[in-house]
Amino acid sequence: MSQGLQIWDTDGFMVLDTSSQTVKILGVFKVSSDPVTFSDPLLATETPFYIVSPEYRHTGDTTNLNVEFNGSTCTVTNSSTYNNRTIYVGVY
């Protein structure tokens, strides 16, 4: 049996298998009330993802954070008053 994290979508397609794929963190940055744009060529050729720091998830207010991937660019928009969150952007 493989060890690692495995995630399937609603159609039963495996979208992440850490036992066979390598995860690359491309950027770590703080988000404030101003939109943040991050670019890396790997965002266009791999599967991008983001993780929000645990202290932000603790507030239960993730709906005010919008993260969009478009080609090699990631744009993070914050419409909340909570302005001290860390975002990790990567690919697998």
N, C-alpha and C. Protein backbone atom coordinates (compact mmCIF):
# COMPACT_ATOMS: atom_id res chain seq x y z
N MET A 1 0.84 -1.18 0.00
CA MET A 1 0.00 0.00 0.00
C MET A 1 0.89 1.25 0.00
N SER A 2 0.57 2.20 -0.86
CA SER A 2 1.32 3.45 -0.93
C SER A 2 1.06 4.30 0.29
N GLN A 3 2.05 5.13 0.62
CA GLN A 3 1.86 6.08 1.70
C GLN A 3 1.84 7.47 1.09
N GLY A 4 1.02 8.33 1.63
CA GLY A 4 0.91 9.68 1.13
C GLY A 4 -0.54 10.11 1.07
N LEU A 5 -0.76 11.30 0.59
CA LEU A 5 -2.09 11.86 0.47
C LEU A 5 -2.63 11.60 -0.93
N GLN A 6 -3.86 11.09 -1.00
CA GLN A 6 -4.53 10.89 -2.28
C GLN A 6 -5.86 11.62 -2.25
N ILE A 7 -6.15 12.40 -3.31
CA ILE A 7 -7.38 13.18 -3.39
C ILE A 7 -8.06 12.89 -4.73
N TRP A 8 -9.37 12.60 -4.68
CA TRP A 8 -10.15 12.36 -5.88
C TRP A 8 -11.19 13.46 -6.04
N ASP A 9 -11.56 13.75 -7.31
CA ASP A 9 -12.64 14.71 -7.54
C ASP A 9 -13.98 13.97 -7.45
N THR A 10 -15.09 14.68 -7.69
CA THR A 10 -16.42 14.09 -7.53
C THR A 10 -16.72 13.01 -8.56
N ASP A 11 -15.95 12.97 -9.66
CA ASP A 11 -16.13 11.94 -10.68
C ASP A 11 -15.25 10.72 -10.45
N GLY A 12 -14.51 10.70 -9.33
CA GLY A 12 -13.65 9.58 -9.03
C GLY A 12 -12.28 9.64 -9.68
N PHE A 13 -11.92 10.78 -10.28
CA PHE A 13 -10.61 10.96 -10.91
C PHE A 13 -9.62 11.42 -9.86
N MET A 14 -8.47 10.73 -9.76
CA MET A 14 -7.46 11.13 -8.79
C MET A 14 -6.80 12.42 -9.26
N VAL A 15 -6.87 13.46 -8.43
CA VAL A 15 -6.28 14.75 -8.78
C VAL A 15 -4.97 15.01 -8.06
N LEU A 16 -4.68 14.25 -7.01
CA LEU A 16 -3.42 14.40 -6.30
C LEU A 16 -3.04 13.07 -5.66
N ASP A 17 -1.79 12.68 -5.86
CA ASP A 17 -1.25 11.48 -5.23
C ASP A 17 0.18 11.80 -4.82
N THR A 18 0.39 12.15 -3.56
CA THR A 18 1.72 12.56 -3.13
C THR A 18 2.70 11.40 -3.04
N SER A 19 2.23 10.17 -3.16
CA SER A 19 3.16 9.05 -3.16
C SER A 19 3.85 8.90 -4.51
N SER A 20 3.33 9.56 -5.55
CA SER A 20 3.95 9.44 -6.87
C SER A 20 4.23 10.79 -7.53
N GLN A 21 3.80 11.88 -6.95
CA GLN A 21 4.00 13.19 -7.54
C GLN A 21 4.81 14.06 -6.58
N THR A 22 5.56 14.97 -7.15
CA THR A 22 6.35 15.90 -6.36
C THR A 22 5.63 17.23 -6.29
N VAL A 23 5.54 17.79 -5.11
CA VAL A 23 4.92 19.08 -4.90
C VAL A 23 6.03 20.12 -4.85
N LYS A 24 5.83 21.22 -5.57
CA LYS A 24 6.81 22.31 -5.57
C LYS A 24 6.14 23.57 -5.05
N ILE A 25 6.65 24.15 -3.98
CA ILE A 25 6.18 25.43 -3.48
C ILE A 25 6.94 26.51 -4.24
N LEU A 26 6.22 27.36 -4.96
CA LEU A 26 6.84 28.39 -5.79
C LEU A 26 6.93 29.75 -5.11
N GLY A 27 6.01 30.01 -4.19
CA GLY A 27 6.03 31.30 -3.53
C GLY A 27 5.27 31.28 -2.22
N VAL A 28 5.73 32.09 -1.30
CA VAL A 28 5.08 32.29 -0.01
C VAL A 28 5.02 33.79 0.20
N PHE A 29 3.80 34.31 0.42
CA PHE A 29 3.70 35.76 0.60
C PHE A 29 2.54 36.12 1.49
N LYS A 30 2.59 37.31 2.04
CA LYS A 30 1.51 37.85 2.88
C LYS A 30 0.50 38.56 1.97
N VAL A 31 -0.75 38.43 2.30
CA VAL A 31 -1.82 39.09 1.55
C VAL A 31 -2.39 40.19 2.42
N SER A 32 -2.59 41.34 1.83
CA SER A 32 -3.18 42.47 2.54
C SER A 32 -4.47 42.86 1.83
N SER A 33 -4.91 44.08 2.00
CA SER A 33 -6.13 44.53 1.35
C SER A 33 -5.91 44.82 -0.14
N ASP A 34 -4.65 44.93 -0.58
CA ASP A 34 -4.36 45.14 -2.00
C ASP A 34 -4.20 43.80 -2.70
N PRO A 35 -4.67 43.68 -3.95
CA PRO A 35 -4.47 42.43 -4.70
C PRO A 35 -2.97 42.12 -4.85
N VAL A 36 -2.65 40.84 -4.80
CA VAL A 36 -1.28 40.39 -4.96
C VAL A 36 -1.22 39.53 -6.22
N THR A 37 -0.22 39.78 -7.06
CA THR A 37 -0.02 38.99 -8.27
C THR A 37 1.33 38.29 -8.18
N PHE A 38 1.33 37.01 -8.49
CA PHE A 38 2.54 36.19 -8.44
C PHE A 38 2.65 35.46 -9.77
N SER A 39 3.82 35.46 -10.38
CA SER A 39 4.02 34.78 -11.68
C SER A 39 5.17 33.79 -11.61
N ASP A 40 4.96 32.66 -12.27
CA ASP A 40 6.00 31.65 -12.43
C ASP A 40 5.61 30.80 -13.64
N PRO A 41 6.55 30.49 -14.54
CA PRO A 41 6.22 29.69 -15.73
C PRO A 41 5.62 28.33 -15.41
N LEU A 42 5.97 27.74 -14.27
CA LEU A 42 5.44 26.42 -13.93
C LEU A 42 3.93 26.43 -13.66
N LEU A 43 3.38 27.58 -13.32
CA LEU A 43 1.93 27.66 -13.10
C LEU A 43 1.15 27.33 -14.37
N ALA A 44 1.76 27.58 -15.54
CA ALA A 44 1.09 27.32 -16.81
C ALA A 44 1.26 25.89 -17.29
N THR A 45 2.27 25.17 -16.79
CA THR A 45 2.55 23.84 -17.32
C THR A 45 2.26 22.71 -16.33
N GLU A 46 2.07 23.03 -15.06
CA GLU A 46 1.76 22.03 -14.03
C GLU A 46 0.38 22.33 -13.46
N THR A 47 -0.05 21.57 -12.48
CA THR A 47 -1.33 21.81 -11.81
C THR A 47 -1.10 22.71 -10.61
N PRO A 48 -1.63 23.96 -10.65
CA PRO A 48 -1.38 24.89 -9.54
C PRO A 48 -2.31 24.63 -8.36
N PHE A 49 -1.83 25.04 -7.18
CA PHE A 49 -2.64 24.97 -5.96
C PHE A 49 -2.19 26.08 -5.03
N TYR A 50 -3.01 26.32 -4.00
CA TYR A 50 -2.63 27.27 -2.95
C TYR A 50 -3.09 26.74 -1.61
N ILE A 51 -2.39 27.17 -0.57
CA ILE A 51 -2.73 26.81 0.80
C ILE A 51 -2.76 28.11 1.60
N VAL A 52 -3.78 28.28 2.42
CA VAL A 52 -3.90 29.44 3.30
C VAL A 52 -3.39 29.05 4.67
N SER A 53 -2.62 29.93 5.29
CA SER A 53 -2.04 29.64 6.59
C SER A 53 -3.10 29.26 7.62
N PRO A 54 -2.77 28.37 8.55
CA PRO A 54 -3.75 27.89 9.52
C PRO A 54 -4.41 28.99 10.35
N GLU A 55 -3.67 30.04 10.72
CA GLU A 55 -4.29 31.06 11.56
C GLU A 55 -5.45 31.75 10.84
N TYR A 56 -5.43 31.78 9.51
CA TYR A 56 -6.54 32.38 8.76
C TYR A 56 -7.73 31.43 8.74
N ARG A 57 -7.49 30.15 8.50
CA ARG A 57 -8.59 29.18 8.47
C ARG A 57 -9.31 29.14 9.80
N HIS A 58 -8.59 29.42 10.87
CA HIS A 58 -9.18 29.39 12.20
C HIS A 58 -10.32 30.40 12.33
N THR A 59 -10.27 31.49 11.58
CA THR A 59 -11.32 32.50 11.67
C THR A 59 -12.61 32.04 11.01
N GLY A 60 -12.53 31.03 10.14
CA GLY A 60 -13.72 30.54 9.46
C GLY A 60 -14.17 31.44 8.32
N ASP A 61 -13.38 32.41 7.93
CA ASP A 61 -13.77 33.37 6.90
C ASP A 61 -12.90 33.21 5.66
N THR A 62 -13.06 32.11 4.93
CA THR A 62 -12.27 31.89 3.72
C THR A 62 -12.98 32.40 2.48
N THR A 63 -14.24 32.80 2.59
CA THR A 63 -15.00 33.21 1.40
C THR A 63 -14.57 34.58 0.89
N ASN A 64 -13.89 35.37 1.69
CA ASN A 64 -13.47 36.70 1.28
C ASN A 64 -12.10 36.70 0.61
N LEU A 65 -11.56 35.54 0.36
CA LEU A 65 -10.27 35.41 -0.30
C LEU A 65 -10.50 34.76 -1.66
N ASN A 66 -10.11 35.44 -2.73
CA ASN A 66 -10.29 34.92 -4.07
C ASN A 66 -8.92 34.67 -4.70
N VAL A 67 -8.65 33.43 -5.10
CA VAL A 67 -7.38 33.07 -5.72
C VAL A 67 -7.68 32.57 -7.13
N GLU A 68 -7.06 33.21 -8.12
CA GLU A 68 -7.28 32.84 -9.52
C GLU A 68 -5.94 32.52 -10.19
N PHE A 69 -5.93 31.42 -10.95
CA PHE A 69 -4.77 31.05 -11.75
C PHE A 69 -5.12 31.27 -13.21
N ASN A 70 -4.28 32.02 -13.92
CA ASN A 70 -4.48 32.29 -15.34
C ASN A 70 -3.13 32.20 -16.03
N GLY A 71 -2.89 31.10 -16.73
CA GLY A 71 -1.60 30.90 -17.36
C GLY A 71 -0.51 30.80 -16.32
N SER A 72 0.49 31.65 -16.43
CA SER A 72 1.61 31.62 -15.49
C SER A 72 1.44 32.60 -14.33
N THR A 73 0.22 33.12 -14.14
CA THR A 73 -0.02 34.14 -13.12
C THR A 73 -1.06 33.69 -12.11
N CYS A 74 -0.79 34.00 -10.85
CA CYS A 74 -1.74 33.78 -9.76
C CYS A 74 -2.08 35.14 -9.17
N THR A 75 -3.37 35.43 -9.05
CA THR A 75 -3.82 36.68 -8.47
C THR A 75 -4.66 36.38 -7.23
N VAL A 76 -4.31 37.03 -6.13
CA VAL A 76 -5.03 36.85 -4.86
C VAL A 76 -5.67 38.17 -4.49
N THR A 77 -7.00 38.13 -4.31
CA THR A 77 -7.75 39.32 -3.92
C THR A 77 -8.40 39.06 -2.57
N ASN A 78 -8.24 40.01 -1.67
CA ASN A 78 -8.77 39.90 -0.32
C ASN A 78 -9.83 40.97 -0.12
N SER A 79 -11.07 40.56 0.15
CA SER A 79 -12.12 41.53 0.42
C SER A 79 -12.53 41.51 1.89
N SER A 80 -11.68 40.91 2.73
CA SER A 80 -11.93 40.84 4.16
C SER A 80 -11.14 41.93 4.88
N THR A 81 -11.48 42.17 6.13
CA THR A 81 -10.71 43.11 6.94
C THR A 81 -9.51 42.43 7.58
N TYR A 82 -9.43 41.09 7.46
CA TYR A 82 -8.28 40.36 8.00
C TYR A 82 -7.14 40.45 6.99
N ASN A 83 -6.09 41.17 7.32
CA ASN A 83 -5.03 41.48 6.36
C ASN A 83 -3.69 40.88 6.70
N ASN A 84 -3.65 39.82 7.45
CA ASN A 84 -2.36 39.25 7.81
C ASN A 84 -2.40 37.75 7.60
N ARG A 85 -2.56 37.33 6.36
CA ARG A 85 -2.62 35.90 6.06
C ARG A 85 -1.46 35.52 5.14
N THR A 86 -0.99 34.33 5.29
CA THR A 86 0.09 33.82 4.46
C THR A 86 -0.50 32.85 3.45
N ILE A 87 -0.10 33.02 2.20
CA ILE A 87 -0.54 32.14 1.12
C ILE A 87 0.68 31.41 0.56
N TYR A 88 0.55 30.11 0.39
CA TYR A 88 1.59 29.30 -0.25
C TYR A 88 1.06 28.91 -1.62
N VAL A 89 1.82 29.21 -2.68
CA VAL A 89 1.42 28.87 -4.05
C VAL A 89 2.42 27.86 -4.58
N GLY A 90 1.89 26.81 -5.20
CA GLY A 90 2.77 25.78 -5.74
C GLY A 90 2.13 25.02 -6.87
N VAL A 91 2.82 24.00 -7.33
CA VAL A 91 2.34 23.14 -8.40
C VAL A 91 2.64 21.68 -8.05
N TYR A 92 1.92 20.79 -8.69
CA TYR A 92 2.22 19.36 -8.59
C TYR A 92 2.04 18.73 -9.94
